[in-house]
């Protein structure tokens, strides 16, 4: 019997926050460095009804749905 990865699931929060808001709050880095060196303009943030368990459950559901019923054969 063959074994391996047949599918994966990813869930990224939909909402975005400009990096300026994060930098202005934390004051731990520069906006230019984040933009030019790392290449990030926005940060994903959770909605009021999302948490890590919600995102994990959605990712698992995507993984199972995309596996094309390989687990049942």
N, C-alpha and C. Protein backbone atom coordinates (compact mmCIF):
# COMPACT_ATOMS: atom_id res chain seq x y z
N UNK A 1 0.84 -1.18 0.00
CA UNK A 1 0.00 0.00 0.00
C UNK A 1 0.89 1.24 0.00
N UNK A 2 0.59 2.17 -0.91
CA UNK A 2 1.33 3.41 -0.97
C UNK A 2 0.83 4.38 0.08
N UNK A 3 1.74 5.22 0.53
CA UNK A 3 1.34 6.20 1.54
C UNK A 3 2.03 7.52 1.22
N UNK A 4 1.35 8.61 1.46
CA UNK A 4 1.93 9.93 1.20
C UNK A 4 0.89 11.02 1.37
N UNK A 5 1.30 12.22 1.09
CA UNK A 5 0.40 13.37 1.20
C UNK A 5 -0.41 13.46 -0.09
N UNK A 6 -1.72 13.45 0.03
CA UNK A 6 -2.58 13.53 -1.15
C UNK A 6 -3.32 14.86 -1.24
N UNK A 7 -3.31 15.62 -0.17
CA UNK A 7 -4.02 16.89 -0.18
C UNK A 7 -3.54 17.75 0.98
N UNK A 8 -3.84 19.03 0.92
CA UNK A 8 -3.56 19.93 2.02
C UNK A 8 -4.63 21.01 2.04
N UNK A 9 -4.78 21.65 3.16
CA UNK A 9 -5.76 22.72 3.31
C UNK A 9 -5.13 23.92 4.00
N UNK A 10 -5.49 25.10 3.54
CA UNK A 10 -4.96 26.34 4.10
C UNK A 10 -6.10 27.32 4.29
N UNK A 11 -6.12 27.98 5.41
CA UNK A 11 -7.12 29.02 5.65
C UNK A 11 -6.41 30.25 6.19
N UNK A 12 -6.50 31.35 5.45
CA UNK A 12 -5.91 32.62 5.85
C UNK A 12 -7.05 33.58 6.11
N UNK A 13 -7.01 34.32 7.20
CA UNK A 13 -8.09 35.28 7.47
C UNK A 13 -8.26 36.27 6.31
N UNK A 14 -9.50 36.66 6.08
CA UNK A 14 -9.85 37.53 4.96
C UNK A 14 -9.49 38.99 5.23
N UNK A 15 -9.65 39.45 6.45
CA UNK A 15 -9.44 40.86 6.77
C UNK A 15 -7.96 41.23 6.73
N UNK A 16 -7.67 42.46 6.28
CA UNK A 16 -6.30 42.95 6.19
C UNK A 16 -6.16 44.26 6.96
N UNK A 17 -4.99 44.44 7.56
CA UNK A 17 -4.66 45.65 8.30
C UNK A 17 -3.37 46.20 7.71
N UNK A 18 -3.35 47.49 7.34
CA UNK A 18 -2.11 48.07 6.81
C UNK A 18 -0.99 47.96 7.85
N UNK A 19 0.22 47.71 7.38
CA UNK A 19 1.32 47.53 8.33
C UNK A 19 1.62 48.79 9.12
N UNK A 20 1.24 49.95 8.60
CA UNK A 20 1.45 51.20 9.35
C UNK A 20 0.73 51.17 10.69
N UNK A 21 -0.46 50.58 10.71
CA UNK A 21 -1.23 50.49 11.96
C UNK A 21 -0.50 49.63 12.99
N UNK A 22 0.06 48.52 12.55
CA UNK A 22 0.80 47.65 13.46
C UNK A 22 2.07 48.33 13.96
N UNK A 23 2.82 48.95 13.05
CA UNK A 23 4.08 49.61 13.42
C UNK A 23 3.81 50.79 14.34
N UNK A 24 2.76 51.57 14.08
CA UNK A 24 2.44 52.70 14.95
C UNK A 24 2.06 52.26 16.36
N UNK A 25 1.46 51.11 16.47
CA UNK A 25 1.07 50.58 17.77
C UNK A 25 2.27 50.01 18.53
N UNK A 26 3.04 49.15 17.88
CA UNK A 26 4.13 48.45 18.56
C UNK A 26 5.44 49.23 18.56
N UNK A 27 5.67 50.06 17.54
CA UNK A 27 6.88 50.87 17.41
C UNK A 27 8.16 50.03 17.54
N UNK A 28 8.16 48.85 16.93
CA UNK A 28 9.31 47.96 17.05
C UNK A 28 10.08 47.78 15.75
N UNK A 29 9.68 48.46 14.68
CA UNK A 29 10.35 48.33 13.40
C UNK A 29 10.00 49.54 12.55
N UNK A 30 10.57 49.61 11.35
CA UNK A 30 10.25 50.72 10.46
C UNK A 30 9.38 50.23 9.31
N UNK A 31 8.50 51.09 8.87
CA UNK A 31 7.59 50.75 7.77
C UNK A 31 8.40 50.49 6.50
N UNK A 32 9.44 51.29 6.25
CA UNK A 32 10.24 51.12 5.04
C UNK A 32 10.93 49.76 5.01
N UNK A 33 11.44 49.31 6.15
CA UNK A 33 12.10 48.02 6.20
C UNK A 33 11.11 46.89 5.91
N UNK A 34 9.94 46.95 6.52
CA UNK A 34 8.93 45.91 6.31
C UNK A 34 8.49 45.88 4.85
N UNK A 35 8.28 47.05 4.26
CA UNK A 35 7.82 47.12 2.87
C UNK A 35 8.90 46.72 1.87
N UNK A 36 10.07 47.32 2.00
CA UNK A 36 11.11 47.15 0.97
C UNK A 36 11.92 45.87 1.13
N UNK A 37 12.23 45.48 2.35
CA UNK A 37 13.08 44.31 2.56
C UNK A 37 12.24 43.04 2.59
N UNK A 38 11.16 43.05 3.36
CA UNK A 38 10.34 41.85 3.50
C UNK A 38 9.27 41.78 2.41
N UNK A 39 8.80 42.94 1.93
CA UNK A 39 7.80 42.97 0.87
C UNK A 39 6.38 42.81 1.36
N UNK A 40 6.09 43.23 2.58
CA UNK A 40 4.76 43.08 3.17
C UNK A 40 4.10 44.45 3.24
N UNK A 41 2.86 44.55 2.77
CA UNK A 41 2.10 45.81 2.85
C UNK A 41 0.92 45.71 3.81
N UNK A 42 0.37 44.51 3.98
CA UNK A 42 -0.78 44.30 4.84
C UNK A 42 -0.55 43.09 5.73
N UNK A 43 -1.26 43.06 6.82
CA UNK A 43 -1.21 41.94 7.74
C UNK A 43 -2.61 41.35 7.83
N UNK A 44 -2.71 40.04 7.80
CA UNK A 44 -4.03 39.42 7.94
C UNK A 44 -4.41 39.37 9.42
N UNK A 45 -5.66 39.66 9.70
CA UNK A 45 -6.15 39.68 11.08
C UNK A 45 -7.45 38.89 11.16
N UNK A 46 -7.70 38.34 12.32
CA UNK A 46 -8.90 37.54 12.54
C UNK A 46 -10.13 38.44 12.66
N UNK A 47 -11.24 37.93 12.20
CA UNK A 47 -12.52 38.60 12.39
C UNK A 47 -12.98 38.38 13.83
N UNK A 48 -14.03 39.05 14.23
CA UNK A 48 -14.50 38.92 15.61
C UNK A 48 -15.03 37.53 15.92
N UNK A 49 -15.44 36.78 14.91
CA UNK A 49 -15.98 35.44 15.15
C UNK A 49 -15.00 34.34 14.74
N UNK A 50 -13.73 34.66 14.51
CA UNK A 50 -12.73 33.67 14.12
C UNK A 50 -11.71 33.48 15.24
N UNK A 51 -11.20 32.27 15.32
CA UNK A 51 -10.07 31.98 16.19
C UNK A 51 -9.26 30.88 15.54
N UNK A 52 -8.19 30.45 16.19
CA UNK A 52 -7.31 29.46 15.58
C UNK A 52 -8.03 28.13 15.36
N UNK A 53 -8.97 27.78 16.19
CA UNK A 53 -9.72 26.54 15.99
C UNK A 53 -10.63 26.62 14.77
N UNK A 54 -11.25 27.76 14.56
CA UNK A 54 -12.10 27.96 13.39
C UNK A 54 -11.28 27.83 12.11
N UNK A 55 -10.11 28.50 12.08
CA UNK A 55 -9.25 28.42 10.90
C UNK A 55 -8.75 27.00 10.68
N UNK A 56 -8.41 26.31 11.75
CA UNK A 56 -7.94 24.92 11.63
C UNK A 56 -9.02 24.01 11.09
N UNK A 57 -10.24 24.15 11.60
CA UNK A 57 -11.35 23.32 11.14
C UNK A 57 -11.64 23.58 9.66
N UNK A 58 -11.59 24.84 9.24
CA UNK A 58 -11.81 25.16 7.82
C UNK A 58 -10.71 24.55 6.94
N UNK A 59 -9.46 24.59 7.41
CA UNK A 59 -8.35 24.02 6.65
C UNK A 59 -8.49 22.51 6.53
N UNK A 60 -8.93 21.85 7.60
CA UNK A 60 -9.14 20.41 7.56
C UNK A 60 -10.25 20.06 6.58
N UNK A 61 -11.34 20.81 6.61
CA UNK A 61 -12.44 20.57 5.68
C UNK A 61 -11.99 20.73 4.23
N UNK A 62 -11.18 21.77 3.95
CA UNK A 62 -10.66 21.95 2.60
C UNK A 62 -9.79 20.77 2.19
N UNK A 63 -8.96 20.32 3.09
CA UNK A 63 -8.06 19.20 2.80
C UNK A 63 -8.85 17.95 2.45
N UNK A 64 -9.85 17.65 3.24
CA UNK A 64 -10.66 16.45 3.00
C UNK A 64 -11.44 16.58 1.69
N UNK A 65 -12.01 17.75 1.44
CA UNK A 65 -12.79 17.94 0.21
C UNK A 65 -11.92 17.89 -1.04
N UNK A 66 -10.68 18.34 -0.95
CA UNK A 66 -9.79 18.35 -2.12
C UNK A 66 -9.09 17.02 -2.34
N UNK A 67 -9.21 16.11 -1.39
CA UNK A 67 -8.50 14.83 -1.53
C UNK A 67 -9.17 13.93 -2.56
N UNK A 68 -10.34 14.31 -3.05
CA UNK A 68 -11.05 13.56 -4.10
C UNK A 68 -11.35 12.12 -3.66
N UNK A 69 -11.75 12.01 -2.41
CA UNK A 69 -12.17 10.73 -1.82
C UNK A 69 -11.09 9.66 -1.88
N UNK A 70 -9.83 10.04 -1.82
CA UNK A 70 -8.74 9.07 -1.81
C UNK A 70 -8.79 8.22 -0.54
N UNK A 71 -9.29 8.80 0.55
CA UNK A 71 -9.33 8.08 1.81
C UNK A 71 -10.35 6.94 1.80
N UNK A 72 -11.33 7.03 0.91
CA UNK A 72 -12.37 6.01 0.88
C UNK A 72 -12.04 4.83 -0.03
N UNK A 73 -11.00 4.97 -0.87
CA UNK A 73 -10.69 3.89 -1.81
C UNK A 73 -9.69 2.90 -1.25
